[in-house]
Amino acid sequence: MYAVPVTAQQKTITISGKVTSFEESLPLEGVSIVVKGSDNSTGTQADGTFSMVVLSGEKLLLSLAGYEKKEVVLTNAKNYDIVLKRSDNVSAGERPGNGTVFGTKQNEMLK
């Protein structure tokens, strides 16, 4: 965590929520959630849920490969249901979770 001066209009709150896909309404795992302009961050769990301590009025930046980035302005609410849309810049075969494996191939030993 980090220390931030709190103004009269901002208060520290613990928020939680769930991130789902727009197209299938399925939970999204591994979504990066960062408070804009800070190093305060978290990620979503396998069920799409997250929890973090923030200041009201801050902005969350959400991103996941294959999906459009999203910015959410925080209010005094404590629960957020956030929906991400698939990016038009990525073909269906390249989307994570579509059976595509990202990473490097293991070298086979030649005899």
Protein backbone atom coordinates (compact mmCIF):
# COMPACT_ATOMS: atom_id res chain seq x y z
CA MET A 1 0.00 0.00 0.00
CA TYR A 2 0.99 3.62 -0.27
CA ALA A 3 0.28 6.76 1.73
CA VAL A 4 -1.74 9.48 0.05
CA PRO A 5 -2.89 12.73 1.61
CA VAL A 6 -6.67 12.58 1.95
CA THR A 7 -8.65 15.72 1.15
CA ALA A 8 -11.99 16.61 2.67
CA GLN A 9 -13.72 15.27 -0.46
CA GLN A 10 -11.88 11.94 -0.52
CA LYS A 11 -12.08 9.09 1.90
CA THR A 12 -10.32 5.75 2.04
CA ILE A 13 -12.62 2.85 1.21
CA THR A 14 -12.26 -0.85 0.54
CA ILE A 15 -13.95 -1.74 -2.71
CA SER A 16 -14.70 -5.09 -4.25
CA GLY A 17 -16.30 -6.19 -7.44
CA LYS A 18 -16.47 -8.55 -10.36
CA VAL A 19 -15.24 -8.19 -13.93
CA THR A 20 -17.09 -10.06 -16.66
CA SER A 21 -17.03 -10.25 -20.44
CA PHE A 22 -19.70 -8.32 -22.33
CA GLU A 23 -20.22 -10.99 -24.97
CA GLU A 24 -20.57 -14.09 -22.77
CA SER A 25 -21.16 -12.58 -19.30
CA LEU A 26 -18.38 -14.87 -18.04
CA PRO A 27 -15.98 -13.90 -15.21
CA LEU A 28 -12.59 -12.68 -16.42
CA GLU A 29 -9.48 -13.92 -14.61
CA GLY A 30 -6.21 -11.98 -14.65
CA VAL A 31 -7.60 -8.53 -15.38
CA SER A 32 -5.02 -5.92 -14.34
CA ILE A 33 -6.58 -3.21 -12.17
CA VAL A 34 -4.43 -0.14 -11.44
CA VAL A 35 -5.32 3.10 -9.67
CA LYS A 36 -4.46 5.77 -12.26
CA GLY A 37 -1.30 7.68 -11.38
CA SER A 38 -0.19 5.30 -8.62
CA ASP A 39 1.41 1.93 -8.00
CA ASN A 40 -1.70 0.66 -6.20
CA SER A 41 -2.85 -2.37 -8.19
CA THR A 42 -4.48 -5.78 -8.06
CA GLY A 43 -5.83 -8.42 -10.40
CA THR A 44 -8.99 -10.44 -10.70
CA GLN A 45 -9.26 -13.99 -9.36
CA ALA A 46 -10.52 -17.03 -11.32
CA ASP A 47 -14.11 -16.02 -10.55
CA GLY A 48 -13.53 -12.46 -11.82
CA THR A 49 -13.59 -10.90 -8.35
CA PHE A 50 -11.23 -8.32 -6.87
CA SER A 51 -10.81 -6.25 -3.72
CA MET A 52 -8.59 -3.25 -2.95
CA VAL A 53 -8.23 -0.15 -0.76
CA VAL A 54 -8.65 3.14 -2.67
CA LEU A 55 -9.68 6.76 -2.28
CA SER A 56 -13.11 7.84 -3.47
CA GLY A 57 -12.78 9.87 -6.66
CA GLU A 58 -9.77 7.94 -7.94
CA LYS A 59 -9.86 6.23 -11.33
CA LEU A 60 -9.28 2.54 -11.98
CA LEU A 61 -7.64 1.43 -15.21
CA LEU A 62 -8.57 -2.11 -16.25
CA SER A 63 -6.82 -4.12 -18.96
CA LEU A 64 -6.65 -7.68 -20.24
CA ALA A 65 -5.16 -8.97 -23.49
CA GLY A 66 -7.87 -9.33 -26.12
CA TYR A 67 -10.19 -6.84 -24.43
CA GLU A 68 -10.68 -3.07 -24.64
CA LYS A 69 -9.11 -1.09 -21.81
CA LYS A 70 -11.56 0.57 -19.46
CA GLU A 71 -11.40 3.48 -17.02
CA VAL A 72 -13.78 3.60 -14.05
CA VAL A 73 -14.22 6.65 -11.81
CA LEU A 74 -14.75 5.62 -8.20
CA THR A 75 -17.54 7.05 -6.10
CA ASN A 76 -18.39 6.23 -2.49
CA ALA A 77 -19.80 2.88 -3.65
CA LYS A 78 -18.14 -0.22 -2.25
CA ASN A 79 -19.12 -2.75 -4.93
CA TYR A 80 -18.44 -2.50 -8.67
CA ASP A 81 -19.65 -4.80 -11.44
CA ILE A 82 -17.48 -4.02 -14.46
CA VAL A 83 -17.92 -5.35 -18.00
CA LEU A 84 -15.12 -5.50 -20.58
CA LYS A 85 -15.74 -5.77 -24.33
CA ARG A 86 -13.53 -7.77 -26.65
CA SER A 87 -11.12 -5.72 -28.71
CA ASP A 88 -11.77 -5.49 -32.45
CA ASN A 89 -8.00 -5.53 -32.99
CA VAL A 90 -7.63 -9.19 -31.97
CA SER A 91 -8.91 -12.11 -34.02
CA ALA A 92 -10.90 -14.87 -32.30
CA GLY A 93 -8.05 -17.35 -32.63
CA GLU A 94 -5.67 -15.06 -30.73
CA ARG A 95 -7.88 -14.34 -27.74
CA PRO A 96 -6.71 -15.74 -24.43
CA GLY A 97 -9.03 -18.45 -23.17
CA ASN A 98 -9.75 -19.66 -26.69
CA GLY A 99 -7.39 -22.61 -26.48
CA THR A 100 -4.46 -20.47 -27.58
CA VAL A 101 -1.28 -20.96 -25.56
CA PHE A 102 0.92 -17.93 -25.04
CA GLY A 103 4.59 -18.43 -24.24
CA THR A 104 7.55 -20.23 -25.71
CA LYS A 105 7.89 -23.78 -26.91
CA GLN A 106 10.07 -26.13 -24.94
CA ASN A 107 13.15 -27.28 -26.83
CA GLU A 108 13.22 -30.96 -27.53
CA MET A 109 16.49 -32.72 -26.98
CA LEU A 110 17.88 -34.27 -30.11
CA LYS A 111 19.56 -37.65 -29.76
